Amino acid sequence: MSAHDVVITGIGLVSSLGEGTDAHWHKLTAADAAPTVDATRYPPYTVHPLPEIDWSLQIAKRGDQRQMETWQRLGTYTAGLALDDAGIKGDEGLCATMDMVVAAGGGERDGTVDDAILAASETRNDREVLLNEKLTTELRPTLFLAQLSNLLAGNISIVHKVTGSSRTFMGEEGAGVSAVETAAARIRSGQSTHMLVGGAFQTEHPDMLLGYELGGYLHRGPWKPVWQRDGAEGGGVVSGSGAAFLVLESREHAKARGRHIYAQLGPVISGRARRSKEDLATAIGGLLDKTSLPDGPLLALSGASGAHAATAAEGSALAQYGNIAARGFATLTGHMKEAQFPFAVALAALAVDRKAGYPAFDAQAEKRYEGIPHSVLATAVGYHYFEGMALVSASD
């Protein structure tokens, strides 16, 4: 035990299952847990949509809400939930010295303008001139700023007054892994005492789905659990809107504040397997070997996306450890890209804190888990690239 141990003192969650830790715990531990899906808006694709959210509960000013896109509002709102949970929101001293690492995408395009440009290009050959015309007449200059990935961190700073150092990572699941890995490393080294880390993803926008489908990753047809999509039409991914933010602190800092500690964040391991040349299951097994897994039955919160090759490789690697009972939570939440790994860590911390495991989300593919989880593994194997995992354990 060290003063610089990394502990989790605040959790903010939003997904199709609801918002907050209690809502997610109740939904995910229910015997009849079922996903909330929308198969009508973007056929033949299914999404896990956001629940109704009163943004003003965490973003008081209407002007702040209006200038954000949905993914920024979602991230800013969820960050507020985590700060509230940790007892930091509204404390000017703590917020001013709090560092932040955010995993973010590149923002949402203006679909109406894109459609207008494509329609006009059908009758004009001077397309360079056309683009310049549309850029100067159809797009507000501030729209370009709204697409910057670091605007999520900027909005969190403006709304919640978190004004320490700030870093933003881009790159799907890898961004979330790098964000948590970096935040934990800063606390362990003594560079930071308390940090806000997380990400957000809003899938209910055509260009977000387009990003998956250009690579052939989206599942088509009726919804299936994440482990059962191999062989089905399409690429296996069913995406979901959601966000996860964590407040990480050094043990010394958290104890000095008298805060409740959910769990301790142990090793955070990342990898970048060259999937065209390496066996991915072997590479994932190598990460597992580095994670200092405990003996005995182990619960794993898997961020498996459903992408055929990546999900099969993760399943194979986990199966080599006969003691691991995996829970593919994307079955119930959908795949949340940058937020996937922080979400996995958050769910692992909840299981440790509440001294109970999650029932199988897919009874056909997932093992039973019984007992009190002293340690829980969190994973995120990217649907295209990047792998990561962390061990979350009881803090005593």
Protein backbone atom coordinates (compact mmCIF):
# COMPACT_ATOMS: atom_id res chain seq x y z
CA MET A 1 0.00 0.00 0.00
CA SER A 2 1.38 3.39 -1.02
CA ALA A 3 0.36 7.04 -0.69
CA HIS A 4 0.54 7.21 -4.48
CA ASP A 5 -1.77 4.25 -5.10
CA VAL A 6 -4.41 5.22 -7.67
CA VAL A 7 -7.93 5.03 -6.28
CA ILE A 8 -11.33 5.72 -7.83
CA THR A 9 -13.47 8.16 -5.84
CA GLY A 10 -16.01 9.35 -8.41
CA ILE A 11 -17.96 7.69 -11.23
CA GLY A 12 -20.23 9.27 -13.83
CA LEU A 13 -22.11 7.04 -16.27
CA VAL A 14 -24.67 7.63 -19.02
CA SER A 15 -25.85 5.05 -21.55
CA SER A 16 -29.05 3.71 -23.05
CA LEU A 17 -29.60 2.04 -19.66
CA GLY A 18 -29.94 5.39 -17.89
CA GLU A 19 -27.66 7.72 -15.96
CA GLY A 20 -25.69 7.35 -12.77
CA THR A 21 -24.16 4.42 -10.91
CA ASP A 22 -27.35 3.22 -9.23
CA ALA A 23 -29.34 3.05 -12.46
CA HIS A 24 -26.60 1.06 -14.18
CA TRP A 25 -26.06 -1.27 -11.25
CA HIS A 26 -29.77 -2.09 -10.99
CA LYS A 27 -30.14 -2.64 -14.74
CA LEU A 28 -26.97 -4.71 -15.14
CA THR A 29 -27.56 -6.93 -12.13
CA ALA A 30 -31.22 -7.64 -12.88
CA ALA A 31 -32.03 -11.24 -13.72
CA ASP A 32 -33.98 -10.08 -16.77
CA ALA A 33 -31.50 -7.44 -17.98
CA ALA A 34 -32.36 -6.40 -21.53
CA PRO A 35 -30.93 -3.83 -23.93
CA THR A 36 -32.68 -0.68 -25.11
CA VAL A 37 -32.33 -0.62 -28.88
CA ASP A 38 -33.65 1.37 -31.82
CA ALA A 39 -33.81 -0.56 -35.09
CA THR A 40 -36.05 1.89 -36.99
CA ARG A 41 -34.05 5.07 -37.46
CA TYR A 42 -31.02 3.74 -39.36
CA PRO A 43 -32.06 0.47 -41.03
CA PRO A 44 -30.51 -2.03 -41.47
CA TYR A 45 -28.46 -0.91 -38.46
CA THR A 46 -29.45 -0.96 -34.80
CA VAL A 47 -28.28 1.54 -32.17
CA HIS A 48 -28.54 1.87 -28.40
CA PRO A 49 -29.96 5.41 -27.98
CA LEU A 50 -29.48 7.95 -25.22
CA PRO A 51 -32.16 8.17 -22.52
CA GLU A 52 -34.01 11.40 -21.88
CA ILE A 53 -31.59 13.79 -20.16
CA ASP A 54 -32.26 17.10 -18.45
CA TRP A 55 -29.00 18.79 -19.45
CA SER A 56 -29.60 21.68 -17.08
CA LEU A 57 -28.94 19.43 -14.07
CA GLN A 58 -25.22 19.57 -14.87
CA ILE A 59 -24.98 22.39 -17.46
CA ALA A 60 -26.87 25.26 -15.90
CA LYS A 61 -26.52 27.91 -18.63
CA ARG A 62 -28.67 27.52 -21.72
CA GLY A 63 -26.03 29.35 -23.73
CA ASP A 64 -23.43 26.74 -22.81
CA GLN A 65 -25.82 23.98 -23.85
CA ARG A 66 -26.61 25.58 -27.21
CA GLN A 67 -23.02 26.02 -28.31
CA MET A 68 -22.20 22.34 -27.71
CA GLU A 69 -22.93 19.44 -29.99
CA THR A 70 -24.68 16.47 -28.39
CA TRP A 71 -21.47 14.51 -27.79
CA GLN A 72 -19.97 17.51 -25.97
CA ARG A 73 -23.08 18.02 -23.85
CA LEU A 74 -23.04 14.30 -23.07
CA GLY A 75 -19.41 14.35 -21.98
CA THR A 76 -19.74 17.57 -19.99
CA TYR A 77 -22.87 16.27 -18.27
CA THR A 78 -21.28 12.95 -17.35
CA ALA A 79 -18.12 14.63 -16.11
CA GLY A 80 -20.37 16.64 -13.78
CA LEU A 81 -21.87 13.41 -12.45
CA ALA A 82 -18.39 12.10 -11.62
CA LEU A 83 -17.35 15.36 -9.95
CA ASP A 84 -20.54 15.38 -7.90
CA ASP A 85 -19.98 11.76 -6.89
CA ALA A 86 -16.45 12.56 -5.71
CA GLY A 87 -17.51 15.65 -3.77
CA ILE A 88 -15.37 17.92 -5.93
CA LYS A 89 -17.92 19.85 -7.98
CA GLY A 90 -18.26 23.38 -6.68
CA ASP A 91 -15.04 23.24 -4.66
CA GLU A 92 -13.02 25.97 -6.37
CA GLY A 93 -9.73 24.94 -4.80
CA LEU A 94 -9.99 21.29 -5.81
CA CYS A 95 -11.27 22.09 -9.31
CA ALA A 96 -8.52 24.64 -9.97
CA THR A 97 -5.81 22.09 -9.16
CA MET A 98 -7.50 19.15 -10.86
CA ASP A 99 -5.91 17.72 -14.02
CA MET A 100 -7.94 16.20 -16.83
CA VAL A 101 -7.46 13.63 -19.59
CA VAL A 102 -10.26 13.21 -22.14
CA ALA A 103 -10.83 10.64 -24.88
CA ALA A 104 -12.76 12.27 -27.72
CA GLY A 105 -13.68 11.93 -31.36
CA GLY A 106 -13.64 14.63 -34.00
CA GLY A 107 -17.14 16.00 -33.62
CA GLU A 108 -20.26 15.80 -35.74
CA ARG A 109 -20.59 17.08 -39.28
CA ASP A 110 -23.39 19.34 -40.49
CA GLY A 111 -25.43 16.79 -42.44
CA THR A 112 -27.68 19.41 -44.05
CA VAL A 113 -24.71 21.23 -45.56
CA ASP A 114 -23.13 17.97 -46.71
CA ASP A 115 -26.36 17.03 -48.47
CA ALA A 116 -26.57 20.45 -50.14
CA ILE A 117 -23.00 20.16 -51.44
CA LEU A 118 -23.60 16.69 -52.83
CA ALA A 119 -26.86 17.78 -54.49
CA ALA A 120 -25.21 20.82 -56.09
CA SER A 121 -22.27 18.75 -57.34
CA GLU A 122 -24.64 16.71 -59.50
CA THR A 123 -25.26 19.70 -61.77
CA ARG A 124 -21.90 21.52 -61.60
CA ASN A 125 -18.43 20.57 -62.74
CA ASP A 126 -16.55 23.44 -61.08
CA ARG A 127 -16.51 21.60 -57.79
CA GLU A 128 -13.56 23.48 -56.30
CA VAL A 129 -15.47 26.73 -56.77
CA LEU A 130 -18.62 25.09 -55.40
CA LEU A 131 -16.85 24.00 -52.22
CA ASN A 132 -15.45 27.47 -51.63
CA GLU A 133 -18.90 28.98 -52.11
CA LYS A 134 -20.45 26.63 -49.59
CA LEU A 135 -17.64 27.10 -47.11
CA THR A 136 -18.14 30.86 -47.14
CA THR A 137 -21.93 30.93 -47.21
CA GLU A 138 -23.22 27.80 -45.46
CA LEU A 139 -20.84 27.16 -42.59
CA ARG A 140 -20.45 29.35 -39.52
CA PRO A 141 -16.78 29.95 -38.61
CA THR A 142 -17.50 28.65 -35.12
CA LEU A 143 -18.59 25.32 -36.61
CA PHE A 144 -14.97 24.53 -37.40
CA LEU A 145 -14.03 25.14 -33.78
CA ALA A 146 -16.90 22.92 -32.66
CA GLN A 147 -15.29 19.98 -34.47
CA LEU A 148 -12.03 20.19 -32.52
CA SER A 149 -11.60 17.14 -30.30
CA ASN A 150 -10.29 19.21 -27.39
CA LEU A 151 -13.52 21.24 -27.21
CA LEU A 152 -14.98 18.59 -24.88
CA ALA A 153 -12.22 19.24 -22.37
CA GLY A 154 -12.68 22.96 -22.96
CA ASN A 155 -16.37 22.81 -22.18
CA ILE A 156 -15.74 20.77 -19.04
CA SER A 157 -13.30 23.46 -17.93
CA ILE A 158 -15.80 26.24 -18.65
CA VAL A 159 -18.83 24.59 -17.05
CA HIS A 160 -17.23 22.77 -14.12
CA LYS A 161 -14.17 25.01 -13.57
CA VAL A 162 -11.70 22.13 -13.86
CA THR A 163 -8.70 24.25 -14.80
CA GLY A 164 -5.55 22.22 -14.13
CA SER A 165 -3.62 20.66 -17.02
CA SER A 166 -5.64 19.14 -19.86
CA ARG A 167 -4.88 16.46 -22.43
CA THR A 168 -7.07 14.98 -25.16
CA PHE A 169 -6.55 11.68 -26.97
CA MET A 170 -8.21 10.67 -30.24
CA GLY A 171 -8.47 7.19 -31.71
CA GLU A 172 -11.48 5.07 -30.83
CA GLU A 173 -10.99 2.57 -27.96
CA GLY A 174 -7.27 3.36 -27.90
CA ALA A 175 -8.01 6.92 -26.85
CA GLY A 176 -9.89 5.71 -23.79
CA VAL A 177 -7.12 3.27 -22.86
CA SER A 178 -4.43 5.93 -23.26
CA ALA A 179 -6.46 8.44 -21.24
CA VAL A 180 -6.82 6.11 -18.25
CA GLU A 181 -3.24 4.86 -18.58
CA THR A 182 -1.86 8.42 -18.64
CA ALA A 183 -4.00 9.64 -15.76
CA ALA A 184 -2.98 6.70 -13.58
CA ALA A 185 0.71 7.15 -14.44
CA ARG A 186 0.63 10.82 -13.48
CA ILE A 187 -0.83 10.03 -10.07
CA ARG A 188 1.59 7.18 -9.42
CA SER A 189 4.54 9.41 -10.28
CA GLY A 190 3.35 12.17 -7.98
CA GLN A 191 2.75 14.62 -10.86
CA SER A 192 -0.96 14.83 -10.03
CA THR A 193 -3.02 14.27 -6.91
CA HIS A 194 -6.50 14.15 -8.46
CA MET A 195 -7.63 13.77 -12.05
CA LEU A 196 -10.79 13.65 -14.13
CA VAL A 197 -10.61 11.10 -16.95
CA GLY A 198 -13.17 9.74 -19.40
CA GLY A 199 -14.83 9.98 -22.78
CA ALA A 200 -18.13 10.32 -24.59
CA PHE A 201 -19.65 9.05 -27.82
CA GLN A 202 -22.89 9.98 -29.53
CA THR A 203 -23.77 7.41 -32.19
CA GLU A 204 -27.17 8.82 -33.17
CA HIS A 205 -25.79 10.83 -36.05
CA PRO A 206 -25.34 9.45 -39.59
CA ASP A 207 -21.65 10.31 -39.92
CA MET A 208 -20.83 8.46 -36.69
CA LEU A 209 -22.33 5.29 -38.14
CA LEU A 210 -20.63 5.99 -41.46
CA GLY A 211 -17.25 5.80 -39.76
CA TYR A 212 -17.92 2.21 -38.71
CA GLU A 213 -19.58 1.14 -41.93
CA LEU A 214 -16.83 2.40 -44.23
CA GLY A 215 -14.74 -0.38 -42.76
CA GLY A 216 -17.59 -2.88 -42.96
CA TYR A 217 -17.92 -3.16 -39.17
CA LEU A 218 -21.63 -2.61 -38.51
CA HIS A 219 -23.92 -5.52 -37.67
CA ARG A 220 -26.95 -5.88 -39.93
CA GLY A 221 -30.24 -7.53 -39.22
CA PRO A 222 -31.84 -8.47 -35.90
CA TRP A 223 -29.96 -7.59 -32.72
CA LYS A 224 -27.85 -10.31 -31.11
CA PRO A 225 -25.64 -10.48 -27.99
CA VAL A 226 -22.08 -9.35 -28.59
CA TRP A 227 -20.57 -12.86 -28.47
CA GLN A 228 -23.14 -14.30 -30.93
CA ARG A 229 -22.67 -12.04 -33.96
CA ASP A 230 -19.92 -14.00 -35.68
CA GLY A 231 -21.32 -15.35 -38.92
CA ALA A 232 -24.21 -12.88 -39.00
CA GLU A 233 -24.55 -10.36 -41.81
CA GLY A 234 -22.28 -7.35 -41.49
CA GLY A 235 -19.26 -6.74 -39.32
CA GLY A 236 -20.70 -7.34 -35.84
CA VAL A 237 -20.66 -3.91 -34.17
CA VAL A 238 -23.85 -2.44 -32.70
CA SER A 239 -23.00 1.03 -31.48
CA GLY A 240 -24.40 2.94 -28.52
CA SER A 241 -24.47 6.48 -27.23
CA GLY A 242 -22.89 6.93 -23.84
CA ALA A 243 -20.17 8.39 -21.67
CA ALA A 244 -18.06 7.45 -18.67
CA PHE A 245 -15.93 9.67 -16.46
CA LEU A 246 -13.85 8.73 -13.44
CA VAL A 247 -12.28 10.78 -10.67
CA LEU A 248 -8.90 9.24 -9.87
CA GLU A 249 -6.92 10.31 -6.82
CA SER A 250 -3.81 9.30 -4.97
CA ARG A 251 -4.70 7.30 -1.89
CA GLU A 252 -3.17 9.99 0.31
CA HIS A 253 -5.24 12.77 -1.31
CA ALA A 254 -8.50 10.80 -1.09
CA LYS A 255 -7.96 9.85 2.56
CA ALA A 256 -7.10 13.43 3.48
CA ARG A 257 -10.49 14.45 2.08
CA GLY A 258 -12.25 11.60 3.84
CA ARG A 259 -13.77 10.38 0.57
CA HIS A 260 -15.30 7.00 -0.09
CA ILE A 261 -13.03 4.88 -2.30
CA TYR A 262 -14.74 2.62 -4.80
CA ALA A 263 -11.64 0.61 -5.70
CA GLN A 264 -7.95 0.78 -6.43
CA LEU A 265 -6.80 0.99 -10.03
CA GLY A 266 -3.94 -1.45 -10.54
CA PRO A 267 -1.87 -2.08 -13.67
CA VAL A 268 -3.16 -0.46 -16.87
CA ILE A 269 -1.65 -2.28 -19.85
CA SER A 270 -1.91 -1.28 -23.51
CA GLY A 271 -0.86 -2.89 -26.78
CA ARG A 272 -0.85 -2.19 -30.49
CA ALA A 273 -0.75 -5.56 -32.21
CA ARG A 274 -0.05 -5.52 -35.95
CA ARG A 275 -3.15 -7.51 -36.71
CA SER A 276 -2.28 -8.22 -40.32
CA LYS A 277 0.94 -9.93 -39.23
CA GLU A 278 0.40 -11.03 -35.63
CA ASP A 279 -2.06 -13.43 -34.06
CA LEU A 280 -4.35 -11.13 -32.07
CA ALA A 281 -5.37 -13.78 -29.53
CA THR A 282 -1.70 -14.38 -28.72
CA ALA A 283 -1.10 -10.64 -28.36
CA ILE A 284 -4.07 -10.31 -25.98
CA GLY A 285 -2.75 -13.27 -24.01
CA GLY A 286 0.54 -11.41 -23.66
CA LEU A 287 -1.26 -8.44 -22.14
CA LEU A 288 -3.09 -10.73 -19.73
CA ASP A 289 0.26 -12.17 -18.63
CA LYS A 290 1.45 -8.64 -17.75
CA THR A 291 -1.62 -7.70 -15.74
CA SER A 292 -0.74 -9.64 -12.56
CA LEU A 293 -4.01 -11.56 -12.55
CA PRO A 294 -4.93 -13.13 -9.20
CA ASP A 295 -5.50 -16.83 -8.70
CA GLY A 296 -9.03 -18.18 -8.48
CA PRO A 297 -12.23 -17.16 -10.26
CA LEU A 298 -11.97 -13.74 -11.87
CA LEU A 299 -14.75 -11.51 -13.21
CA ALA A 300 -13.91 -9.56 -16.39
CA LEU A 301 -15.83 -6.57 -17.74
CA SER A 302 -15.11 -6.91 -21.43
CA GLY A 303 -15.49 -4.01 -23.81
CA ALA A 304 -15.77 -6.45 -26.73
CA SER A 305 -17.40 -4.62 -29.64
CA GLY A 306 -18.81 -7.57 -31.54
CA ALA A 307 -16.45 -6.97 -34.47
CA HIS A 308 -15.92 -10.49 -35.71
CA ALA A 309 -12.14 -10.90 -35.68
CA ALA A 310 -11.41 -8.81 -32.59
CA THR A 311 -14.19 -10.31 -30.49
CA ALA A 312 -13.30 -13.88 -31.44
CA ALA A 313 -9.65 -13.23 -30.58
CA GLU A 314 -10.53 -11.77 -27.18
CA GLY A 315 -12.88 -14.64 -26.42
CA SER A 316 -10.16 -17.13 -27.34
CA ALA A 317 -7.53 -15.38 -25.20
CA LEU A 318 -9.81 -15.17 -22.16
CA ALA A 319 -10.77 -18.82 -22.58
CA GLN A 320 -7.11 -19.82 -22.18
CA TYR A 321 -7.47 -18.66 -18.59
CA GLY A 322 -10.08 -21.10 -17.37
CA ASN A 323 -10.83 -18.98 -14.30
CA ILE A 324 -12.12 -15.88 -16.14
CA ALA A 325 -15.87 -15.18 -16.37
CA ALA A 326 -16.28 -12.45 -18.99
CA ARG A 327 -19.19 -10.03 -19.21
CA GLY A 328 -19.53 -8.35 -22.61
CA PHE A 329 -21.37 -5.22 -21.48
CA ALA A 330 -21.77 -3.91 -25.03
CA THR A 331 -24.55 -6.50 -25.30
CA LEU A 332 -26.60 -4.11 -23.16
CA THR A 333 -25.04 -0.69 -23.86
CA GLY A 334 -23.73 -0.92 -27.40
CA HIS A 335 -20.20 -0.03 -28.41
CA MET A 336 -19.22 3.46 -27.22
CA LYS A 337 -15.85 3.92 -28.94
CA GLU A 338 -13.74 6.36 -26.91
CA ALA A 339 -15.85 5.81 -23.78
CA GLN A 340 -15.63 2.01 -23.93
CA PHE A 341 -12.59 1.49 -21.70
CA PRO A 342 -13.47 4.08 -19.03
CA PHE A 343 -16.93 2.46 -18.92
CA ALA A 344 -15.39 -0.98 -18.38
CA VAL A 345 -13.21 0.35 -15.54
CA ALA A 346 -16.24 2.05 -13.97
CA LEU A 347 -18.33 -1.14 -14.03
CA ALA A 348 -15.42 -3.11 -12.60
CA ALA A 349 -15.09 -0.61 -9.75
CA LEU A 350 -18.81 -0.86 -8.99
CA ALA A 351 -18.58 -4.65 -8.70
CA VAL A 352 -15.63 -4.39 -6.31
CA ASP A 353 -17.31 -1.68 -4.23
CA ARG A 354 -20.65 -3.48 -3.97
CA LYS A 355 -19.00 -6.84 -3.36
CA ALA A 356 -21.06 -8.62 -6.00
CA GLY A 357 -20.62 -9.80 -9.55
CA TYR A 358 -22.81 -9.28 -12.58
CA PRO A 359 -24.99 -12.10 -13.86
CA ALA A 360 -24.28 -13.36 -17.35
CA PHE A 361 -25.41 -10.86 -19.98
CA ASP A 362 -25.46 -13.74 -22.47
CA ALA A 363 -26.31 -17.03 -20.76
CA GLN A 364 -25.26 -19.03 -23.82
CA ALA A 365 -21.73 -17.65 -24.01
CA GLU A 366 -20.75 -16.39 -20.55
CA LYS A 367 -19.75 -18.41 -17.50
CA ARG A 368 -21.44 -18.16 -14.14
CA TYR A 369 -19.62 -16.16 -11.50
CA GLU A 370 -20.24 -16.61 -7.80
CA GLY A 371 -18.64 -15.06 -4.79
CA ILE A 372 -17.32 -11.63 -3.88
CA PRO A 373 -15.04 -10.06 -6.50
CA HIS A 374 -11.91 -8.74 -4.76
CA SER A 375 -10.38 -7.97 -8.16
CA VAL A 376 -12.05 -7.40 -11.54
CA LEU A 377 -10.44 -7.19 -14.97
CA ALA A 378 -11.51 -4.46 -17.42
CA THR A 379 -10.69 -4.87 -21.13
CA ALA A 380 -11.07 -3.05 -24.41
CA VAL A 381 -9.90 -4.75 -27.59
CA GLY A 382 -10.39 -2.26 -30.40
CA TYR A 383 -12.72 -3.23 -33.19
CA HIS A 384 -9.99 -2.12 -35.62
CA TYR A 385 -6.86 -1.40 -33.62
CA PHE A 386 -5.39 -1.04 -30.10
CA GLU A 387 -5.85 -3.24 -27.04
CA GLY A 388 -5.95 -2.40 -23.36
CA MET A 389 -6.82 -3.80 -19.96
CA ALA A 390 -6.67 -2.87 -16.29
CA LEU A 391 -7.01 -4.68 -13.00
CA VAL A 392 -9.37 -3.04 -10.52
CA SER A 393 -9.16 -4.26 -6.92
CA ALA A 394 -10.51 -3.60 -3.45
CA SER A 395 -8.62 -0.72 -1.85
CA ASP A 396 -7.99 -2.32 1.55
